[in-house]
C-alpha atoms as a PDB file:
ATOM      1  CA  MET A   1    -119.155 -84.806  -9.476  1.00  0.00           C
ATOM      2  CA  LYS A   2    -119.034 -81.115  -8.593  1.00  0.00           C
ATOM      3  CA  SER A   3    -118.343 -80.074  -5.059  1.00  0.00           C
ATOM      4  CA  ASP A   4    -120.839 -78.088  -3.091  1.00  0.00           C
ATOM      5  CA  PRO A   5    -119.658 -74.455  -2.611  1.00  0.00           C
ATOM      6  CA  SER A   6    -121.318 -74.299   0.765  1.00  0.00           C
ATOM      7  CA  ALA A   7    -119.429 -77.398   1.861  1.00  0.00           C
ATOM      8  CA  SER A   8    -116.065 -75.978   0.769  1.00  0.00           C
ATOM      9  CA  ALA A   9    -116.701 -72.794   2.693  1.00  0.00           C
ATOM     10  CA  ALA A  10    -117.657 -74.645   5.871  1.00  0.00           C
ATOM     11  CA  PRO A  11    -114.137 -74.886   7.291  1.00  0.00           C
ATOM     12  CA  PHE A  12    -113.577 -71.155   6.905  1.00  0.00           C
ATOM     13  CA  ARG A  13    -116.862 -70.470   8.697  1.00  0.00           C
ATOM     14  CA  GLY A  14    -115.694 -72.812  11.422  1.00  0.00           C
ATOM     15  CA  LEU A  15    -112.567 -70.724  11.973  1.00  0.00           C
ATOM     16  CA  GLY A  16    -114.772 -67.877  13.215  1.00  0.00           C
ATOM     17  CA  GLY A  17    -116.130 -69.932  16.101  1.00  0.00           C
ATOM     18  CA  PRO A  18    -115.710 -73.312  17.776  1.00  0.00           C
ATOM     19  CA  LEU A  19    -116.732 -76.339  15.761  1.00  0.00           C
ATOM     20  CA  ARG A  20    -119.369 -78.605  17.188  1.00  0.00           C
ATOM     21  CA  SER A  21    -118.371 -82.222  17.732  1.00  0.00           C
ATOM     22  CA  SER A  22    -121.149 -83.346  15.462  1.00  0.00           C
ATOM     23  CA  GLU A  23    -120.009 -81.111  12.566  1.00  0.00           C
ATOM     24  CA  PRO A  24    -117.610 -82.987  10.219  1.00  0.00           C
ATOM     25  CA  VAL A  25    -114.558 -81.340   8.791  1.00  0.00           C
ATOM     26  CA  ARG A  26    -115.146 -81.622   5.087  1.00  0.00           C
ATOM     27  CA  ALA A  27    -112.011 -79.927   3.749  1.00  0.00           C
ATOM     28  CA  ALA A  28    -108.531 -78.976   4.952  1.00  0.00           C
ATOM     29  CA  LEU A  29    -106.737 -75.714   4.520  1.00  0.00           C
ATOM     30  CA  ALA A  30    -104.287 -75.884   1.628  1.00  0.00           C
ATOM     31  CA  PRO A  31    -100.678 -75.259   2.707  1.00  0.00           C
ATOM     32  CA  PRO A  32     -99.070 -71.993   1.568  1.00  0.00           C
ATOM     33  CA  PRO A  33     -97.020 -72.199  -1.653  1.00  0.00           C
ATOM     34  CA  SER A  34     -93.796 -71.670   0.293  1.00  0.00           C
ATOM     35  CA  VAL A  35     -94.483 -74.804   2.360  1.00  0.00           C
ATOM     36  CA  ALA A  36     -95.076 -76.834  -0.792  1.00  0.00           C
ATOM     37  CA  LEU A  37     -91.807 -75.552  -2.244  1.00  0.00           C
ATOM     38  CA  LEU A  38     -90.027 -76.407   1.015  1.00  0.00           C
ATOM     39  CA  GLU A  39     -91.253 -79.990   0.792  1.00  0.00           C
ATOM     40  CA  GLU A  40     -90.145 -80.150  -2.829  1.00  0.00           C
ATOM     41  CA  ALA A  41     -86.670 -78.812  -1.976  1.00  0.00           C
ATOM     42  CA  ALA A  42     -86.276 -81.325   0.873  1.00  0.00           C
ATOM     43  CA  ASP A  43     -87.348 -84.134  -1.447  1.00  0.00           C
ATOM     44  CA  LEU A  44     -84.803 -83.071  -4.084  1.00  0.00           C
ATOM     45  CA  LEU A  45     -82.073 -82.900  -1.448  1.00  0.00           C
ATOM     46  CA  VAL A  46     -82.694 -86.142   0.439  1.00  0.00           C
ATOM     47  CA  VAL A  47     -84.339 -88.468  -2.050  1.00  0.00           C
ATOM     48  CA  HIS A  48     -83.071 -87.427  -5.472  1.00  0.00           C
ATOM     49  CA  LEU A  49     -79.718 -85.970  -4.334  1.00  0.00           C
ATOM     50  CA  ASP A  50     -80.221 -83.196  -6.875  1.00  0.00           C
ATOM     51  CA  PHE A  51     -78.432 -80.453  -4.942  1.00  0.00           C
ATOM     52  CA  PRO A  52     -78.535 -77.674  -7.593  1.00  0.00           C
ATOM     53  CA  ALA A  53     -82.273 -78.199  -8.057  1.00  0.00           C
ATOM     54  CA  ALA A  54     -82.803 -78.199  -4.280  1.00  0.00           C
ATOM     55  CA  LEU A  55     -80.969 -74.889  -3.951  1.00  0.00           C
ATOM     56  CA  GLU A  56     -82.922 -73.360  -6.843  1.00  0.00           C
ATOM     57  CA  THR A  57     -86.182 -74.503  -5.268  1.00  0.00           C
ATOM     58  CA  CYS A  58     -85.142 -72.854  -2.000  1.00  0.00           C
ATOM     59  CA  GLU A  59     -84.571 -69.615  -3.867  1.00  0.00           C
ATOM     60  CA  ARG A  60     -88.069 -69.807  -5.414  1.00  0.00           C
ATOM     61  CA  ALA A  61     -89.507 -70.554  -1.987  1.00  0.00           C
ATOM     62  CA  TRP A  62     -87.755 -67.484  -0.550  1.00  0.00           C
ATOM     63  CA  ARG A  63     -89.321 -65.269  -3.205  1.00  0.00           C
ATOM     64  CA  THR A  64     -92.711 -66.847  -2.656  1.00  0.00           C
ATOM     65  CA  LEU A  65     -92.432 -66.449   1.103  1.00  0.00           C
ATOM     66  CA  ALA A  66     -91.534 -62.768   0.765  1.00  0.00           C
ATOM     67  CA  ALA A  67     -94.491 -62.176  -1.528  1.00  0.00           C
ATOM     68  CA  GLU A  68     -96.995 -63.983   0.669  1.00  0.00           C
ATOM     69  CA  THR A  69     -99.317 -61.914   2.829  1.00  0.00           C
ATOM     70  CA  ALA A  70     -99.967 -64.508   5.522  1.00  0.00           C
ATOM     71  CA  ALA A  71    -102.466 -63.976   8.285  1.00  0.00           C
ATOM     72  CA  GLU A  72    -101.380 -63.286  11.827  1.00  0.00           C
ATOM     73  CA  ALA A  73    -102.029 -66.898  12.770  1.00  0.00           C
ATOM     74  CA  LEU A  74     -99.473 -68.027  10.165  1.00  0.00           C
ATOM     75  CA  ALA A  75     -96.667 -65.733  11.332  1.00  0.00           C
ATOM     76  CA  GLY A  76     -95.019 -68.499  13.374  1.00  0.00           C
ATOM     77  CA  THR A  77     -95.312 -70.925  10.484  1.00  0.00           C
ATOM     78  CA  SER A  78     -93.608 -68.404   8.206  1.00  0.00           C
ATOM     79  CA  LEU A  79     -90.603 -68.187  10.552  1.00  0.00           C
ATOM     80  CA  GLU A  80     -90.345 -71.964  10.697  1.00  0.00           C
ATOM     81  CA  VAL A  81     -90.489 -72.241   6.910  1.00  0.00           C
ATOM     82  CA  LYS A  82     -87.817 -69.576   6.598  1.00  0.00           C
ATOM     83  CA  CYS A  83     -85.511 -71.445   8.991  1.00  0.00           C
ATOM     84  CA  SER A  84     -86.142 -74.803   7.289  1.00  0.00           C
ATOM     85  CA  LEU A  85     -85.362 -73.308   3.879  1.00  0.00           C
ATOM     86  CA  CYS A  86     -82.022 -72.109   5.279  1.00  0.00           C
ATOM     87  CA  VAL A  87     -81.211 -75.577   6.595  1.00  0.00           C
ATOM     88  CA  VAL A  88     -81.937 -77.190   3.225  1.00  0.00           C
ATOM     89  CA  GLY A  89     -79.955 -74.513   1.386  1.00  0.00           C
ATOM     90  CA  ILE A  90     -76.944 -74.876   3.686  1.00  0.00           C
ATOM     91  CA  GLN A  91     -76.851 -78.626   3.158  1.00  0.00           C
ATOM     92  CA  ALA A  92     -77.204 -78.237  -0.611  1.00  0.00           C
ATOM     93  CA  LEU A  93     -74.341 -75.720  -0.798  1.00  0.00           C
ATOM     94  CA  ALA A  94     -72.140 -77.936   1.366  1.00  0.00           C
ATOM     95  CA  GLU A  95     -72.839 -80.990  -0.805  1.00  0.00           C
ATOM     96  CA  MET A  96     -71.831 -79.008  -3.899  1.00  0.00           C
ATOM     97  CA  ASP A  97     -68.567 -77.954  -2.193  1.00  0.00           C
ATOM     98  CA  ARG A  98     -69.766 -74.358  -2.131  1.00  0.00           C
ATOM     99  CA  TRP A  99     -69.583 -74.105   1.641  1.00  0.00           C
ATOM    100  CA  ARG A 100     -67.751 -70.763   1.510  1.00  0.00           C
ATOM    101  CA  GLU A 101     -70.952 -69.193   0.165  1.00  0.00           C
ATOM    102  CA  VAL A 102     -73.103 -70.390   3.064  1.00  0.00           C
ATOM    103  CA  LEU A 103     -72.721 -67.412   5.393  1.00  0.00           C
ATOM    104  CA  SER A 104     -73.244 -64.782   2.694  1.00  0.00           C
ATOM    105  CA  TRP A 105     -76.242 -66.732   1.353  1.00  0.00           C
ATOM    106  CA  VAL A 106     -77.836 -66.901   4.797  1.00  0.00           C
ATOM    107  CA  LEU A 107     -77.174 -63.250   5.613  1.00  0.00           C
ATOM    108  CA  ARG A 108     -78.671 -62.236   2.281  1.00  0.00           C
ATOM    109  CA  HIS A 109     -82.008 -63.521   3.519  1.00  0.00           C
ATOM    110  CA  TYR A 110     -81.742 -62.519   7.192  1.00  0.00           C
ATOM    111  CA  GLU A 111     -79.805 -59.271   6.585  1.00  0.00           C
ATOM    112  CA  VAL A 112     -78.234 -59.004  10.080  1.00  0.00           C
ATOM    113  CA  PRO A 113     -76.495 -61.689  12.187  1.00  0.00           C
ATOM    114  CA  GLU A 114     -78.626 -60.925  15.253  1.00  0.00           C
ATOM    115  CA  LYS A 115     -81.731 -62.215  13.476  1.00  0.00           C
ATOM    116  CA  LEU A 116     -80.333 -65.632  12.580  1.00  0.00           C
ATOM    117  CA  PRO A 117     -82.284 -68.558  14.038  1.00  0.00           C
ATOM    118  CA  PRO A 118     -80.310 -70.602  16.591  1.00  0.00           C
ATOM    119  CA  LYS A 119     -80.469 -73.742  14.427  1.00  0.00           C
ATOM    120  CA  VAL A 120     -79.081 -71.918  11.391  1.00  0.00           C
ATOM    121  CA  LEU A 121     -76.312 -70.307  13.451  1.00  0.00           C
ATOM    122  CA  GLU A 122     -75.373 -73.687  14.944  1.00  0.00           C
ATOM    123  CA  LEU A 123     -75.107 -75.268  11.485  1.00  0.00           C
ATOM    124  CA  CYS A 124     -72.887 -72.439  10.252  1.00  0.00           C
ATOM    125  CA  ILE A 125     -70.544 -72.749  13.260  1.00  0.00           C
ATOM    126  CA  LEU A 126     -70.216 -76.508  12.837  1.00  0.00           C
ATOM    127  CA  LEU A 127     -69.679 -76.214   9.085  1.00  0.00           C
ATOM    128  CA  TYR A 128     -66.916 -73.602   9.197  1.00  0.00           C
ATOM    129  CA  SER A 129     -65.301 -75.306  12.185  1.00  0.00           C
ATOM    130  CA  LYS A 130     -65.192 -78.611  10.310  1.00  0.00           C
ATOM    131  CA  MET A 131     -63.655 -76.887   7.286  1.00  0.00           C
ATOM    132  CA  GLN A 132     -61.033 -75.328   9.638  1.00  0.00           C
ATOM    133  CA  GLU A 133     -62.113 -71.743   9.013  1.00  0.00           C
ATOM    134  CA  PRO A 134     -63.755 -70.794  12.328  1.00  0.00           C
ATOM    135  CA  GLY A 135     -62.627 -67.185  11.967  1.00  0.00           C
ATOM    136  CA  THR A 136     -65.382 -66.623   9.422  1.00  0.00           C
ATOM    137  CA  MET A 137     -67.965 -66.940  12.198  1.00  0.00           C
ATOM    138  CA  LEU A 138     -66.164 -64.840  14.833  1.00  0.00           C
ATOM    139  CA  ASP A 139     -67.932 -61.507  14.335  1.00  0.00           C
ATOM    140  CA  VAL A 140     -71.270 -63.090  13.424  1.00  0.00           C
ATOM    141  CA  VAL A 141     -71.539 -65.191  16.591  1.00  0.00           C
ATOM    142  CA  SER A 142     -70.237 -62.382  18.801  1.00  0.00           C
ATOM    143  CA  ALA A 143     -72.927 -60.051  17.454  1.00  0.00           C
ATOM    144  CA  TRP A 144     -75.603 -62.709  17.984  1.00  0.00           C
ATOM    145  CA  LEU A 145     -74.542 -63.437  21.571  1.00  0.00           C
ATOM    146  CA  THR A 146     -74.465 -59.773  22.592  1.00  0.00           C
ATOM    147  CA  ASP A 147     -77.977 -59.099  21.314  1.00  0.00           C
ATOM    148  CA  PRO A 148     -80.358 -58.790  24.313  1.00  0.00           C
ATOM    149  CA  ASP A 149     -83.237 -60.443  22.433  1.00  0.00           C
ATOM    150  CA  ASN A 150     -81.197 -63.623  21.953  1.00  0.00           C
ATOM    151  CA  GLN A 151     -79.983 -63.927  25.540  1.00  0.00           C
ATOM    152  CA  GLY A 152     -83.379 -65.125  26.709  1.00  0.00           C
ATOM    153  CA  LEU A 153     -83.579 -67.963  24.182  1.00  0.00           C
ATOM    154  CA  PRO A 154     -83.239 -71.543  25.500  1.00  0.00           C
ATOM    155  CA  GLU A 155     -80.529 -72.268  22.891  1.00  0.00           C
ATOM    156  CA  TYR A 156     -78.348 -69.371  24.083  1.00  0.00           C
ATOM    157  CA  ARG A 157     -76.264 -71.422  26.542  1.00  0.00           C
ATOM    158  CA  ALA A 158     -75.478 -74.162  24.002  1.00  0.00           C
ATOM    159  CA  LEU A 159     -74.487 -71.614  21.346  1.00  0.00           C
ATOM    160  CA  ALA A 160     -72.253 -69.725  23.775  1.00  0.00           C
ATOM    161  CA  ASP A 161     -70.438 -72.945  24.678  1.00  0.00           C
ATOM    162  CA  LEU A 162     -70.194 -73.892  20.980  1.00  0.00           C
ATOM    163  CA  HIS A 163     -68.707 -70.479  20.209  1.00  0.00           C
ATOM    164  CA  LEU A 164     -66.132 -70.995  22.954  1.00  0.00           C
ATOM    165  CA  GLN A 165     -65.113 -74.526  21.912  1.00  0.00           C
ATOM    166  CA  ARG A 166     -65.316 -74.231  18.105  1.00  0.00           C
ATOM    167  CA  VAL A 167     -64.357 -70.599  17.436  1.00  0.00           C
ATOM    168  CA  LEU A 168     -62.519 -68.788  20.224  1.00  0.00           C
ATOM    169  CA  LEU A 169     -60.239 -71.573  21.494  1.00  0.00           C
ATOM    170  CA  PRO A 170     -59.131 -72.817  18.033  1.00  0.00           C
ATOM    171  CA  LEU A 171     -58.351 -69.219  17.037  1.00  0.00           C
ATOM    172  CA  GLY A 172     -56.362 -68.603  20.233  1.00  0.00           C
ATOM    173  CA  ARG A 173     -58.651 -65.738  21.305  1.00  0.00           C
ATOM    174  CA  LEU A 174     -58.153 -66.591  24.959  1.00  0.00           C
ATOM    175  CA  SER A 175     -58.866 -63.132  26.388  1.00  0.00           C
ATOM    176  CA  GLU A 176     -62.189 -62.986  24.562  1.00  0.00           C
ATOM    177  CA  ALA A 177     -62.935 -66.491  25.771  1.00  0.00           C
ATOM    178  CA  GLU A 178     -62.369 -65.457  29.390  1.00  0.00           C
ATOM    179  CA  GLU A 179     -64.596 -62.421  28.944  1.00  0.00           C
ATOM    180  CA  LEU A 180     -67.350 -64.593  27.527  1.00  0.00           C
ATOM    181  CA  VAL A 181     -67.119 -67.141  30.343  1.00  0.00           C
ATOM    182  CA  MET A 182     -66.945 -64.616  33.174  1.00  0.00           C
ATOM    183  CA  GLY A 183     -69.388 -62.061  31.797  1.00  0.00           C
ATOM    184  CA  SER A 184     -72.092 -64.272  30.321  1.00  0.00           C
ATOM    185  CA  VAL A 185     -75.046 -65.616  32.273  1.00  0.00           C
ATOM    186  CA  ALA A 186     -75.112 -68.650  29.983  1.00  0.00           C
ATOM    187  CA  PHE A 187     -72.478 -70.485  32.021  1.00  0.00           C
ATOM    188  CA  GLY A 188     -73.355 -72.055  35.322  1.00  0.00           C
ATOM    189  CA  GLU A 189     -70.799 -72.518  38.077  1.00  0.00           C
ATOM    190  CA  GLU A 190     -69.716 -75.985  36.971  1.00  0.00           C
ATOM    191  CA  GLN A 191     -69.692 -75.008  33.296  1.00  0.00           C
ATOM    192  CA  ARG A 192     -67.658 -71.911  34.089  1.00  0.00           C
ATOM    193  CA  LEU A 193     -64.998 -73.940  35.917  1.00  0.00           C
ATOM    194  CA  ASP A 194     -64.737 -76.411  33.021  1.00  0.00           C
ATOM    195  CA  ALA A 195     -64.457 -73.567  30.517  1.00  0.00           C
ATOM    196  CA  LEU A 196     -61.750 -71.798  32.527  1.00  0.00           C
ATOM    197  CA  GLN A 197     -59.815 -75.071  32.763  1.00  0.00           C
ATOM    198  CA  ALA A 198     -60.012 -75.455  28.974  1.00  0.00           C
ATOM    199  CA  ILE A 199     -58.779 -71.871  28.526  1.00  0.00           C
ATOM    200  CA  HIS A 200     -55.887 -72.515  30.923  1.00  0.00           C
ATOM    201  CA  THR A 201     -54.883 -75.654  28.996  1.00  0.00           C
ATOM    202  CA  ALA A 202     -55.025 -73.746  25.709  1.00  0.00           C
ATOM    203  CA  ARG A 203     -52.856 -70.979  27.149  1.00  0.00           C
ATOM    204  CA  GLN A 204     -50.213 -73.516  28.227  1.00  0.00           C
ATOM    205  CA  GLN A 205     -50.165 -75.081  24.772  1.00  0.00           C
ATOM    206  CA  GLN A 206     -49.859 -71.635  23.222  1.00  0.00           C
ATOM    207  CA  ALA A 207     -46.869 -70.856  25.470  1.00  0.00           C
ATOM    208  CA  HIS A 208     -45.083 -74.065  24.397  1.00  0.00           C
ATOM    209  CA  GLU A 209     -45.587 -73.222  20.731  1.00  0.00           C
ATOM    210  CA  LEU A 210     -43.984 -69.762  20.963  1.00  0.00           C
ATOM    211  CA  PRO A 211     -40.720 -69.171  19.003  1.00  0.00           C
ATOM    212  CA  GLY A 212     -38.786 -68.619  22.244  1.00  0.00           C
ATOM    213  CA  SER A 213     -39.327 -72.152  23.519  1.00  0.00           C
ATOM    214  CA  GLU A 214     -36.544 -74.707  23.829  1.00  0.00           C
ATOM    215  CA  GLU A 215     -37.585 -76.686  20.771  1.00  0.00           C
ATOM    216  CA  ALA A 216     -37.569 -73.684  18.443  1.00  0.00           C
ATOM    217  CA  PRO A 217     -33.753 -73.236  17.992  1.00  0.00           C
ATOM    218  CA  LYS A 218     -33.339 -76.779  16.663  1.00  0.00           C
ATOM    219  CA  PRO A 219     -34.227 -75.948  13.052  1.00  0.00           C
ATOM    220  CA  ASN A 220     -31.915 -72.904  13.222  1.00  0.00           C
ATOM    221  CA  GLN A 221     -29.020 -75.048  14.458  1.00  0.00           C
ATOM    222  CA  ALA A 222     -29.605 -77.537  11.675  1.00  0.00           C
ATOM    223  CA  ASP A 223     -29.629 -74.743   9.099  1.00  0.00           C
ATOM    224  CA  SER A 224     -26.390 -73.327  10.512  1.00  0.00           C
ATOM    225  CA  PHE A 225     -24.706 -76.742  10.339  1.00  0.00           C
ATOM    226  CA  SER A 226     -25.877 -77.224   6.748  1.00  0.00           C
ATOM    227  CA  GLN A 227     -24.506 -73.831   5.746  1.00  0.00           C
ATOM    228  CA  LYS A 228     -21.121 -74.580   7.337  1.00  0.00           C
ATOM    229  CA  PHE A 229     -20.967 -77.958   5.628  1.00  0.00           C
ATOM    230  CA  LEU A 230     -21.765 -76.436   2.257  1.00  0.00           C
ATOM    231  CA  SER A 231     -19.119 -73.768   2.794  1.00  0.00           C
ATOM    232  CA  LEU A 232     -16.551 -76.467   3.569  1.00  0.00           C
ATOM    233  CA  LEU A 233     -17.489 -78.394   0.438  1.00  0.00           C
ATOM    234  CA  MET A 234     -17.136 -75.264  -1.679  1.00  0.00           C
ATOM    235  CA  LEU A 235     -13.699 -74.584  -0.177  1.00  0.00           C
ATOM    236  CA  LEU A 236     -12.547 -78.139  -0.878  1.00  0.00           C
ATOM    237  CA  ARG A 237     -13.825 -77.874  -4.430  1.00  0.00           C
ATOM    238  CA  ARG A 238     -11.908 -74.648  -5.005  1.00  0.00           C
ATOM    239  CA  LEU A 239      -8.748 -76.267  -3.630  1.00  0.00           C
ATOM    240  CA  TRP A 240      -9.237 -79.303  -5.844  1.00  0.00           C
ATOM    241  CA  ASP A 241      -9.820 -77.153  -8.939  1.00  0.00           C
ATOM    242  CA  SER A 242      -6.707 -75.153  -8.138  1.00  0.00           C
ATOM    243  CA  SER A 243      -4.631 -78.311  -7.661  1.00  0.00           C
ATOM    244  CA  VAL A 244      -5.900 -79.905 -10.869  1.00  0.00           C
ATOM    245  CA  SER A 245      -5.263 -76.776 -12.900  1.00  0.00           C
ATOM    246  CA  HIS A 246      -1.761 -76.519 -11.427  1.00  0.00           C
ATOM    247  CA  VAL A 247      -1.001 -80.159 -12.187  1.00  0.00           C
ATOM    248  CA  PHE A 248      -2.201 -79.889 -15.769  1.00  0.00           C
ATOM    249  CA  SER A 249      -0.077 -76.804 -16.272  1.00  0.00           C
ATOM    250  CA  MET A 250       3.099 -78.847 -15.438  1.00  0.00           C
ATOM    251  CA  PRO A 251       4.902 -81.124 -17.929  1.00  0.00           C
ATOM    252  CA  PHE A 252       3.674 -84.699 -18.209  1.00  0.00           C
ATOM    253  CA  LYS A 253       6.519 -86.305 -16.259  1.00  0.00           C
ATOM    254  CA  LYS A 254       6.310 -83.820 -13.452  1.00  0.00           C
ATOM    255  CA  SER A 255       2.515 -84.246 -13.333  1.00  0.00           C
ATOM    256  CA  LEU A 256       2.841 -88.001 -13.075  1.00  0.00           C
ATOM    257  CA  LEU A 257       5.472 -87.615 -10.380  1.00  0.00           C
ATOM    258  CA  ALA A 258       3.241 -85.250  -8.404  1.00  0.00           C
ATOM    259  CA  ALA A 259       0.303 -87.676  -8.701  1.00  0.00           C
ATOM    260  CA  LEU A 260       2.406 -90.550  -7.374  1.00  0.00           C
ATOM    261  CA  ILE A 261       3.663 -88.469  -4.480  1.00  0.00           C
ATOM    262  CA  LEU A 262       0.092 -87.461  -3.675  1.00  0.00           C
ATOM    263  CA  CYS A 263      -0.994 -91.103  -3.807  1.00  0.00           C
ATOM    264  CA  LEU A 264       1.734 -92.153  -1.419  1.00  0.00           C
ATOM    265  CA  LEU A 265       0.907 -89.368   0.981  1.00  0.00           C
ATOM    266  CA  VAL A 266      -2.810 -90.181   0.998  1.00  0.00           C
ATOM    267  CA  VAL A 267      -2.390 -93.926   1.421  1.00  0.00           C
ATOM    268  CA  ARG A 268       0.483 -93.455   3.892  1.00  0.00           C
ATOM    269  CA  PHE A 269       2.586 -96.211   2.402  1.00  0.00           C
ATOM    270  CA  ASP A 270       4.798 -97.956   4.963  1.00  0.00           C
ATOM    271  CA  PRO A 271       8.117 -98.989   3.337  1.00  0.00           C
ATOM    272  CA  ALA A 272       8.936-101.239   6.264  1.00  0.00           C
ATOM    273  CA  SER A 273       6.286-103.768   5.242  1.00  0.00           C
ATOM    274  CA  PRO A 274       5.930-103.728   1.441  1.00  0.00           C
ATOM    275  CA  PRO A 275       4.402-107.237   1.156  1.00  0.00           C
ATOM    276  CA  SER A 276       1.369-106.053   3.101  1.00  0.00           C
ATOM    277  CA  LEU A 277       0.393-103.820   0.202  1.00  0.00           C
ATOM    278  CA  PRO A 278       1.581-105.426  -3.063  1.00  0.00           C
ATOM    279  CA  PHE A 279      -0.042-102.873  -5.295  1.00  0.00           C
ATOM    280  CA  ILE A 280       1.512 -99.951  -3.439  1.00  0.00           C
ATOM    281  CA  HIS A 281       4.884-101.751  -3.442  1.00  0.00           C
ATOM    282  CA  LYS A 282       4.844-102.064  -7.239  1.00  0.00           C
ATOM    283  CA  LEU A 283       3.725 -98.459  -7.475  1.00  0.00           C
ATOM    284  CA  ALA A 284       6.686 -97.402  -5.360  1.00  0.00           C
ATOM    285  CA  GLN A 285       9.077 -99.320  -7.651  1.00  0.00           C
ATOM    286  CA  ILE A 286       7.626 -97.568 -10.659  1.00  0.00           C
ATOM    287  CA  PHE A 287       8.045 -94.279  -8.850  1.00  0.00           C
ATOM    288  CA  HIS A 288      11.751 -94.983  -8.212  1.00  0.00           C
ATOM    289  CA  ARG A 289      12.325 -95.845 -11.870  1.00  0.00           C
ATOM    290  CA  ILE A 290      10.593 -92.704 -13.041  1.00  0.00           C
ATOM    291  CA  ARG A 291      12.636 -90.635 -10.601  1.00  0.00           C
ATOM    292  CA  GLU A 292      15.859 -92.181 -11.920  1.00  0.00           C
ATOM    293  CA  ALA A 293      14.773 -91.428 -15.486  1.00  0.00           C
ATOM    294  CA  VAL A 294      13.825 -87.824 -14.700  1.00  0.00           C
ATOM    295  CA  TYR A 295      16.864 -87.037 -12.532  1.00  0.00           C
ATOM    296  CA  PRO A 296      19.601 -89.395 -13.738  1.00  0.00           C
ATOM    297  CA  SER A 297      22.408 -87.191 -12.475  1.00  0.00           C
ATOM    298  CA  LEU A 298      21.351 -87.734  -8.888  1.00  0.00           C
ATOM    299  CA  TYR A 299      21.943 -91.480  -9.184  1.00  0.00           C
ATOM    300  CA  ARG A 300      25.301 -91.483 -11.038  1.00  0.00           C
ATOM    301  CA  LEU A 301      27.997 -92.505  -8.627  1.00  0.00           C
ATOM    302  CA  PRO A 302      31.378 -90.780  -9.006  1.00  0.00           C
ATOM    303  CA  VAL A 303      34.074 -92.980 -10.591  1.00  0.00           C
ATOM    304  CA  HIS A 304      37.403 -93.016  -8.666  1.00  0.00           C
ATOM    305  CA  ASP A 305      40.586 -94.320 -10.154  1.00  0.00           C
END
C-alpha cells in the first residue's frame, strides 16, 4: 500500500504553526544520520563489546556530523551528539588500552581545550589520573578554567575542585593550587577552607620527603658501611694470597712447619691441659717430632766424659 504524499508532508506543515488537538501526527521526523551512527556506536561498545568497530563508527559519525547542514532548531542536538560521540570514543580507546591517544583524539575534533564539553573534560581528568599521568591534563584544564565563557557553567565548580584534587595536588603544584583556591569564584568559604587544609597537608608531606630530612641519610650510611666492608674483605684477600704464595715458595718441610705454627696460633692451644683437646695434643706431638727431624742439632745433648 502506497503512502499518501499529502499525509507524509503533514508534519512538516505542522511545524509552521501550532497543531490542533484533533489533528493526528501521522509521521515522525527521521533522526539525522549522525544520531543513527551514535546509536550504532553505543550498541557496538556496550552490547557487542566490539571496541574497534565502535571507534570507527564514531569517526564516521564525526564526518557525517561535520557534513550535515542542520537547521537552527537542531543546533543544540548537534552539540549533544558531538559530546556523546566523544564519550563513546574515549571509552573505546580506554578499553583497547589506547588511553594515551584520548586527549589528542578529543582535541582533534574540538581543536582548542576551551571548547571541550564539561563531561568530556571530566572523563579525561579521571582517566589520566587513574593511569597516574595527571600532568597530561595540566595545561588543558588550566586553559579551560581561565576561559570566561566556561566560568558561568554550572559544572565549573566541580571541575575546578577535580583539577585541584586529581591534578595539582598529585603533581605537587602547591603554589598553583593556592592561586586557584584563592582567586577562583568556584570555591565557597567552606570549600576554600577544606582546600587550603588539603594544600597544607600536602606541603607537610612534601617537606618530609625532601632529601635533607632525617630519614634520607640512612641509605647513604648503609652504602658507606658496605663499601668499608668490601674494602676490608679485599685487604684480607690480598694478605691471604700473599701468605699462600710465600708459603708455597718455601721448601715442603718449612711450609708444613709454618702451617702447624699458624694452626697453633689460631686455635690458641693451651699446653697446660692437653687432654681437653686430644686432636691438638696429637698435632703438637707431630710438630715436636718434625722439629727434631728438621733441626736435629738443637736436640743433641753434649756428651761429657
